[in-house]
N, C-alpha and C. Protein backbone atom coordinates (compact mmCIF):
# COMPACT_ATOMS: atom_id res chain seq x y z
N MET A 1 30.87 20.41 27.71
CA MET A 1 30.80 18.99 27.99
C MET A 1 29.43 18.62 28.54
N SER A 2 29.09 17.39 28.35
CA SER A 2 27.81 16.90 28.81
C SER A 2 27.94 16.33 30.22
N ASP A 3 26.85 16.39 30.95
CA ASP A 3 26.84 15.84 32.31
C ASP A 3 26.64 14.33 32.30
N LEU A 4 26.29 13.77 31.15
CA LEU A 4 26.05 12.33 31.07
C LEU A 4 27.37 11.58 31.05
N THR A 5 27.43 10.55 31.84
CA THR A 5 28.60 9.67 31.75
C THR A 5 28.36 8.67 30.65
N ARG A 6 29.38 7.91 30.34
CA ARG A 6 29.28 6.93 29.25
C ARG A 6 28.17 5.91 29.52
N ASP A 7 27.95 5.55 30.76
CA ASP A 7 26.93 4.55 31.09
C ASP A 7 25.52 5.13 31.03
N ASP A 8 25.36 6.44 31.15
CA ASP A 8 24.03 7.06 31.16
C ASP A 8 23.49 7.34 29.76
N ARG A 9 24.38 7.34 28.76
CA ARG A 9 23.93 7.65 27.40
C ARG A 9 23.09 6.49 26.84
N PRO A 10 22.08 6.82 26.04
CA PRO A 10 21.31 5.74 25.42
C PRO A 10 22.17 4.97 24.43
N GLU A 11 21.92 3.69 24.35
CA GLU A 11 22.69 2.83 23.46
C GLU A 11 21.76 2.34 22.35
N TYR A 12 22.11 2.62 21.13
CA TYR A 12 21.32 2.22 19.98
C TYR A 12 22.06 1.12 19.23
N ARG A 13 21.37 0.05 19.01
CA ARG A 13 21.98 -1.08 18.31
C ARG A 13 21.11 -1.46 17.12
N ASN A 14 21.75 -1.96 16.11
CA ASN A 14 21.00 -2.52 14.98
C ASN A 14 20.44 -3.86 15.40
N ILE A 15 19.26 -4.17 14.89
CA ILE A 15 18.68 -5.46 15.24
C ILE A 15 19.23 -6.53 14.32
N HIS A 16 19.29 -7.72 14.82
CA HIS A 16 19.77 -8.86 14.05
C HIS A 16 18.60 -9.48 13.30
N ILE A 17 18.89 -10.22 12.25
CA ILE A 17 17.84 -10.84 11.42
C ILE A 17 16.95 -11.76 12.25
N THR A 18 17.49 -12.36 13.30
CA THR A 18 16.68 -13.25 14.13
C THR A 18 15.74 -12.48 15.05
N GLN A 19 15.94 -11.17 15.20
CA GLN A 19 15.10 -10.36 16.08
C GLN A 19 13.96 -9.66 15.34
N ILE A 20 13.89 -9.84 14.04
CA ILE A 20 12.89 -9.12 13.25
C ILE A 20 11.46 -9.50 13.66
N ALA A 21 11.23 -10.77 13.95
CA ALA A 21 9.88 -11.20 14.32
C ALA A 21 9.41 -10.57 15.62
N HIS A 22 10.33 -10.18 16.50
CA HIS A 22 9.96 -9.61 17.80
C HIS A 22 10.01 -8.09 17.81
N TYR A 23 10.46 -7.50 16.71
CA TYR A 23 10.56 -6.05 16.65
C TYR A 23 9.20 -5.44 16.39
N ARG A 24 8.83 -4.45 17.17
CA ARG A 24 7.51 -3.81 17.04
C ARG A 24 7.66 -2.54 16.21
N LEU A 25 7.24 -2.61 14.97
CA LEU A 25 7.34 -1.49 14.05
C LEU A 25 6.16 -0.56 14.27
N PRO A 26 6.37 0.76 14.31
CA PRO A 26 5.24 1.68 14.45
C PRO A 26 4.36 1.65 13.21
N LEU A 27 3.14 2.13 13.35
CA LEU A 27 2.18 2.09 12.25
C LEU A 27 2.68 2.87 11.04
N ALA A 28 3.38 3.98 11.27
CA ALA A 28 3.93 4.74 10.15
C ALA A 28 4.99 3.94 9.41
N GLY A 29 5.72 3.09 10.11
CA GLY A 29 6.71 2.23 9.46
C GLY A 29 6.06 1.15 8.63
N ILE A 30 4.98 0.58 9.15
CA ILE A 30 4.23 -0.43 8.38
C ILE A 30 3.64 0.22 7.14
N LEU A 31 3.12 1.44 7.29
CA LEU A 31 2.57 2.18 6.16
C LEU A 31 3.64 2.42 5.10
N SER A 32 4.82 2.78 5.53
CA SER A 32 5.92 3.04 4.60
C SER A 32 6.31 1.78 3.83
N ILE A 33 6.40 0.68 4.53
CA ILE A 33 6.76 -0.58 3.87
C ILE A 33 5.68 -0.99 2.88
N LEU A 34 4.41 -0.88 3.27
CA LEU A 34 3.31 -1.22 2.36
C LEU A 34 3.24 -0.27 1.17
N HIS A 35 3.63 0.99 1.38
CA HIS A 35 3.66 1.95 0.28
C HIS A 35 4.71 1.53 -0.75
N ARG A 36 5.85 1.09 -0.28
CA ARG A 36 6.90 0.63 -1.19
C ARG A 36 6.50 -0.65 -1.91
N ILE A 37 5.90 -1.58 -1.17
CA ILE A 37 5.49 -2.85 -1.78
C ILE A 37 4.39 -2.61 -2.81
N SER A 38 3.41 -1.77 -2.47
CA SER A 38 2.33 -1.51 -3.43
C SER A 38 2.85 -0.77 -4.65
N GLY A 39 3.78 0.14 -4.47
CA GLY A 39 4.36 0.84 -5.61
C GLY A 39 5.15 -0.10 -6.51
N ALA A 40 5.93 -0.98 -5.91
CA ALA A 40 6.70 -1.94 -6.71
C ALA A 40 5.77 -2.90 -7.43
N GLY A 41 4.72 -3.35 -6.75
CA GLY A 41 3.76 -4.25 -7.39
C GLY A 41 3.04 -3.60 -8.56
N LEU A 42 2.63 -2.35 -8.36
CA LEU A 42 1.97 -1.64 -9.46
C LEU A 42 2.93 -1.43 -10.62
N PHE A 43 4.17 -1.09 -10.32
CA PHE A 43 5.15 -0.88 -11.38
C PHE A 43 5.42 -2.17 -12.15
N LEU A 44 5.57 -3.27 -11.42
CA LEU A 44 5.87 -4.55 -12.08
C LEU A 44 4.67 -5.09 -12.85
N PHE A 45 3.46 -4.80 -12.40
CA PHE A 45 2.26 -5.31 -13.05
C PHE A 45 1.77 -4.40 -14.18
N MET A 46 2.37 -3.21 -14.31
CA MET A 46 1.93 -2.25 -15.33
C MET A 46 1.99 -2.80 -16.75
N PRO A 47 3.05 -3.50 -17.18
CA PRO A 47 3.04 -4.04 -18.55
C PRO A 47 1.89 -5.02 -18.80
N VAL A 48 1.56 -5.82 -17.80
CA VAL A 48 0.46 -6.77 -17.94
C VAL A 48 -0.86 -6.01 -18.06
N LEU A 49 -1.04 -4.98 -17.25
CA LEU A 49 -2.27 -4.19 -17.32
C LEU A 49 -2.40 -3.48 -18.67
N LEU A 50 -1.29 -2.95 -19.17
CA LEU A 50 -1.34 -2.29 -20.48
C LEU A 50 -1.64 -3.30 -21.59
N TRP A 51 -1.08 -4.50 -21.50
CA TRP A 51 -1.35 -5.53 -22.50
C TRP A 51 -2.82 -5.95 -22.44
N LEU A 52 -3.37 -6.11 -21.22
CA LEU A 52 -4.78 -6.46 -21.09
C LEU A 52 -5.68 -5.34 -21.60
N PHE A 53 -5.29 -4.11 -21.38
CA PHE A 53 -6.04 -2.97 -21.89
C PHE A 53 -6.02 -2.96 -23.42
N HIS A 54 -4.86 -3.27 -23.99
CA HIS A 54 -4.76 -3.35 -25.44
C HIS A 54 -5.67 -4.45 -25.99
N LEU A 55 -5.66 -5.61 -25.32
CA LEU A 55 -6.52 -6.72 -25.76
C LEU A 55 -8.00 -6.35 -25.66
N SER A 56 -8.35 -5.62 -24.62
CA SER A 56 -9.76 -5.27 -24.44
C SER A 56 -10.24 -4.32 -25.53
N LEU A 57 -9.34 -3.54 -26.10
CA LEU A 57 -9.72 -2.60 -27.15
C LEU A 57 -9.52 -3.16 -28.56
N ALA A 58 -8.87 -4.32 -28.67
CA ALA A 58 -8.53 -4.86 -29.99
C ALA A 58 -9.77 -5.29 -30.77
N SER A 59 -10.64 -6.05 -30.13
CA SER A 59 -11.84 -6.51 -30.83
C SER A 59 -12.90 -6.91 -29.81
N VAL A 60 -14.08 -7.15 -30.33
CA VAL A 60 -15.19 -7.55 -29.46
C VAL A 60 -14.94 -8.94 -28.89
N SER A 61 -14.35 -9.83 -29.69
CA SER A 61 -14.13 -11.21 -29.22
C SER A 61 -13.08 -11.26 -28.11
N THR A 62 -12.00 -10.49 -28.22
CA THR A 62 -11.00 -10.50 -27.14
C THR A 62 -11.56 -9.84 -25.88
N TYR A 63 -12.42 -8.85 -26.06
CA TYR A 63 -13.06 -8.23 -24.90
C TYR A 63 -13.96 -9.25 -24.19
N ALA A 64 -14.69 -10.05 -24.97
CA ALA A 64 -15.54 -11.09 -24.38
C ALA A 64 -14.71 -12.15 -23.67
N GLN A 65 -13.56 -12.49 -24.24
CA GLN A 65 -12.67 -13.47 -23.59
C GLN A 65 -12.15 -12.92 -22.26
N LEU A 66 -11.79 -11.64 -22.25
CA LEU A 66 -11.30 -11.04 -21.01
C LEU A 66 -12.41 -10.95 -19.97
N GLN A 67 -13.64 -10.75 -20.41
CA GLN A 67 -14.76 -10.75 -19.45
C GLN A 67 -14.93 -12.13 -18.84
N GLY A 68 -14.75 -13.17 -19.65
CA GLY A 68 -14.84 -14.53 -19.13
C GLY A 68 -13.72 -14.83 -18.14
N ILE A 69 -12.53 -14.36 -18.44
CA ILE A 69 -11.40 -14.56 -17.52
C ILE A 69 -11.62 -13.75 -16.25
N GLY A 70 -12.16 -12.55 -16.38
CA GLY A 70 -12.42 -11.70 -15.22
C GLY A 70 -13.51 -12.23 -14.32
N ALA A 71 -14.31 -13.16 -14.80
CA ALA A 71 -15.37 -13.74 -13.97
C ALA A 71 -14.85 -14.81 -13.02
N LEU A 72 -13.62 -15.26 -13.20
CA LEU A 72 -13.05 -16.29 -12.32
C LEU A 72 -12.75 -15.67 -10.95
N TRP A 73 -12.99 -16.44 -9.89
CA TRP A 73 -12.87 -15.90 -8.54
C TRP A 73 -11.44 -15.51 -8.20
N TYR A 74 -10.45 -16.27 -8.66
CA TYR A 74 -9.07 -15.95 -8.32
C TYR A 74 -8.56 -14.74 -9.11
N VAL A 75 -9.12 -14.49 -10.28
CA VAL A 75 -8.78 -13.28 -11.03
C VAL A 75 -9.39 -12.07 -10.33
N ARG A 76 -10.58 -12.24 -9.81
CA ARG A 76 -11.22 -11.14 -9.08
C ARG A 76 -10.45 -10.80 -7.81
N ILE A 77 -9.93 -11.82 -7.13
CA ILE A 77 -9.12 -11.56 -5.94
C ILE A 77 -7.85 -10.81 -6.33
N LEU A 78 -7.24 -11.18 -7.44
CA LEU A 78 -6.07 -10.45 -7.94
C LEU A 78 -6.43 -9.00 -8.26
N LEU A 79 -7.59 -8.79 -8.85
CA LEU A 79 -8.04 -7.43 -9.14
C LEU A 79 -8.31 -6.62 -7.87
N VAL A 80 -8.84 -7.28 -6.85
CA VAL A 80 -9.05 -6.61 -5.56
C VAL A 80 -7.70 -6.22 -4.96
N LEU A 81 -6.72 -7.11 -5.04
CA LEU A 81 -5.38 -6.78 -4.54
C LEU A 81 -4.77 -5.61 -5.31
N LEU A 82 -4.97 -5.59 -6.61
CA LEU A 82 -4.47 -4.47 -7.40
C LEU A 82 -5.19 -3.18 -7.04
N ALA A 83 -6.50 -3.26 -6.81
CA ALA A 83 -7.26 -2.08 -6.41
C ALA A 83 -6.78 -1.57 -5.05
N TRP A 84 -6.54 -2.51 -4.11
CA TRP A 84 -6.01 -2.09 -2.81
C TRP A 84 -4.64 -1.45 -2.97
N ALA A 85 -3.77 -2.05 -3.78
CA ALA A 85 -2.42 -1.50 -3.97
C ALA A 85 -2.50 -0.08 -4.54
N PHE A 86 -3.38 0.11 -5.52
CA PHE A 86 -3.52 1.44 -6.09
C PHE A 86 -4.06 2.44 -5.07
N LEU A 87 -5.12 2.06 -4.36
CA LEU A 87 -5.74 2.98 -3.41
C LEU A 87 -4.82 3.28 -2.23
N HIS A 88 -4.13 2.26 -1.74
CA HIS A 88 -3.20 2.47 -0.63
C HIS A 88 -2.04 3.37 -1.08
N HIS A 89 -1.51 3.10 -2.27
CA HIS A 89 -0.40 3.89 -2.77
C HIS A 89 -0.83 5.34 -2.99
N LEU A 90 -2.03 5.53 -3.47
CA LEU A 90 -2.55 6.88 -3.68
C LEU A 90 -2.71 7.63 -2.36
N CYS A 91 -3.36 7.00 -1.39
CA CYS A 91 -3.60 7.66 -0.10
C CYS A 91 -2.28 7.92 0.64
N ALA A 92 -1.38 6.94 0.65
CA ALA A 92 -0.10 7.14 1.31
C ALA A 92 0.74 8.18 0.57
N GLY A 93 0.61 8.23 -0.75
CA GLY A 93 1.34 9.23 -1.52
C GLY A 93 0.88 10.63 -1.18
N VAL A 94 -0.41 10.82 -0.97
CA VAL A 94 -0.92 12.14 -0.55
C VAL A 94 -0.36 12.48 0.83
N ARG A 95 -0.29 11.50 1.71
CA ARG A 95 0.29 11.73 3.05
C ARG A 95 1.74 12.14 2.93
N TYR A 96 2.50 11.46 2.08
CA TYR A 96 3.91 11.81 1.93
C TYR A 96 4.10 13.17 1.27
N LEU A 97 3.20 13.55 0.37
CA LEU A 97 3.27 14.89 -0.20
C LEU A 97 3.04 15.95 0.89
N LEU A 98 2.10 15.69 1.79
CA LEU A 98 1.86 16.62 2.89
C LEU A 98 3.05 16.67 3.84
N LEU A 99 3.69 15.51 4.07
CA LEU A 99 4.88 15.51 4.91
C LEU A 99 6.02 16.30 4.25
N ASP A 100 6.09 16.25 2.93
CA ASP A 100 7.13 16.99 2.21
C ASP A 100 6.98 18.49 2.35
N VAL A 101 5.77 18.97 2.54
CA VAL A 101 5.56 20.41 2.75
C VAL A 101 5.41 20.72 4.24
N HIS A 102 5.90 19.82 5.08
CA HIS A 102 5.98 19.99 6.54
C HIS A 102 4.62 20.10 7.20
N VAL A 103 3.65 19.36 6.71
CA VAL A 103 2.34 19.28 7.36
C VAL A 103 2.26 17.92 8.04
N GLY A 104 2.09 17.90 9.34
CA GLY A 104 1.96 16.65 10.07
C GLY A 104 3.26 15.94 10.32
N VAL A 105 4.34 16.68 10.50
CA VAL A 105 5.66 16.07 10.69
C VAL A 105 5.86 15.63 12.13
N GLU A 106 5.14 16.24 13.06
CA GLU A 106 5.29 15.87 14.46
C GLU A 106 4.89 14.42 14.67
N LYS A 107 5.39 13.84 15.73
CA LYS A 107 5.19 12.41 15.97
C LYS A 107 3.71 12.03 16.09
N ASP A 108 2.95 12.77 16.87
CA ASP A 108 1.52 12.45 17.04
C ASP A 108 0.74 12.68 15.76
N ALA A 109 1.04 13.76 15.06
CA ALA A 109 0.34 14.03 13.80
C ALA A 109 0.69 12.99 12.75
N SER A 110 1.93 12.54 12.75
CA SER A 110 2.34 11.49 11.80
C SER A 110 1.62 10.18 12.09
N ARG A 111 1.48 9.87 13.37
CA ARG A 111 0.76 8.65 13.74
C ARG A 111 -0.71 8.73 13.34
N ARG A 112 -1.32 9.90 13.57
CA ARG A 112 -2.73 10.08 13.19
C ARG A 112 -2.91 10.00 11.67
N SER A 113 -1.99 10.59 10.92
CA SER A 113 -2.13 10.56 9.47
C SER A 113 -1.94 9.15 8.92
N SER A 114 -1.11 8.35 9.56
CA SER A 114 -0.97 6.96 9.10
C SER A 114 -2.24 6.17 9.39
N VAL A 115 -2.90 6.47 10.52
CA VAL A 115 -4.18 5.83 10.81
C VAL A 115 -5.23 6.24 9.78
N VAL A 116 -5.21 7.52 9.40
CA VAL A 116 -6.17 8.03 8.42
C VAL A 116 -5.96 7.34 7.07
N VAL A 117 -4.71 7.11 6.68
CA VAL A 117 -4.44 6.43 5.40
C VAL A 117 -5.06 5.05 5.41
N PHE A 118 -4.87 4.29 6.49
CA PHE A 118 -5.48 2.96 6.57
C PHE A 118 -7.00 3.05 6.66
N ALA A 119 -7.50 4.06 7.38
CA ALA A 119 -8.95 4.21 7.54
C ALA A 119 -9.63 4.60 6.24
N VAL A 120 -8.90 5.17 5.30
CA VAL A 120 -9.47 5.54 4.01
C VAL A 120 -9.24 4.45 2.96
N SER A 121 -8.01 3.93 2.89
CA SER A 121 -7.68 3.00 1.81
C SER A 121 -8.33 1.63 1.98
N VAL A 122 -8.43 1.13 3.19
CA VAL A 122 -9.02 -0.20 3.40
C VAL A 122 -10.52 -0.21 3.07
N PRO A 123 -11.33 0.75 3.56
CA PRO A 123 -12.74 0.74 3.15
C PRO A 123 -12.94 0.95 1.65
N LEU A 124 -12.11 1.79 1.04
CA LEU A 124 -12.22 1.96 -0.41
C LEU A 124 -11.91 0.66 -1.14
N ALA A 125 -10.92 -0.08 -0.65
CA ALA A 125 -10.60 -1.38 -1.25
C ALA A 125 -11.74 -2.38 -1.02
N LEU A 126 -12.37 -2.31 0.13
CA LEU A 126 -13.53 -3.18 0.38
C LEU A 126 -14.69 -2.83 -0.54
N LEU A 127 -14.89 -1.54 -0.79
CA LEU A 127 -15.93 -1.14 -1.75
C LEU A 127 -15.60 -1.65 -3.15
N ALA A 128 -14.34 -1.58 -3.53
CA ALA A 128 -13.93 -2.12 -4.84
C ALA A 128 -14.16 -3.62 -4.89
N ALA A 129 -13.89 -4.31 -3.78
CA ALA A 129 -14.12 -5.76 -3.74
C ALA A 129 -15.61 -6.08 -3.86
N LEU A 130 -16.43 -5.33 -3.17
CA LEU A 130 -17.87 -5.55 -3.27
C LEU A 130 -18.35 -5.30 -4.70
N LYS A 131 -17.83 -4.29 -5.35
CA LYS A 131 -18.22 -4.00 -6.72
C LYS A 131 -17.73 -5.10 -7.67
N LEU A 132 -16.50 -5.58 -7.47
CA LEU A 132 -15.97 -6.63 -8.34
C LEU A 132 -16.70 -7.95 -8.18
N PHE A 133 -17.13 -8.25 -6.97
CA PHE A 133 -17.84 -9.50 -6.74
C PHE A 133 -19.34 -9.37 -6.92
N GLY A 134 -19.79 -8.22 -7.41
CA GLY A 134 -21.19 -8.06 -7.82
C GLY A 134 -22.17 -7.88 -6.69
N VAL A 135 -21.73 -7.46 -5.54
CA VAL A 135 -22.66 -7.26 -4.42
C VAL A 135 -23.53 -6.03 -4.69
N PHE A 136 -22.94 -4.99 -5.28
CA PHE A 136 -23.73 -3.82 -5.68
C PHE A 136 -23.18 -3.25 -6.94
């Protein structure tokens, strides 16, 4: 038997939908949610990307039309978001592969690895944005 009385035991409750805005999610939880969102976005956008790739290879005129569409600022922002989704999903996927082989499973190591994922994926996405907007 345990020495804890009923009042001494920790009480775990599910949060209500109205409490979501005040709930403080750890960085690894935010990373997990963004990994799922980026994966779903990439999956849903894949047919469009394949269709655009097909158009770019169909002829010189369709390639020129796609270059004109790609020069629009809002299309470039969409491309930056896609680049971020890909890079974030890739970096977080490597983290999850390492977690699957029991590397960095401890709480502190997991927190550090989630920081590393953001520290790698966000600058890479910024580099992609700079390249797409013609800075270098």
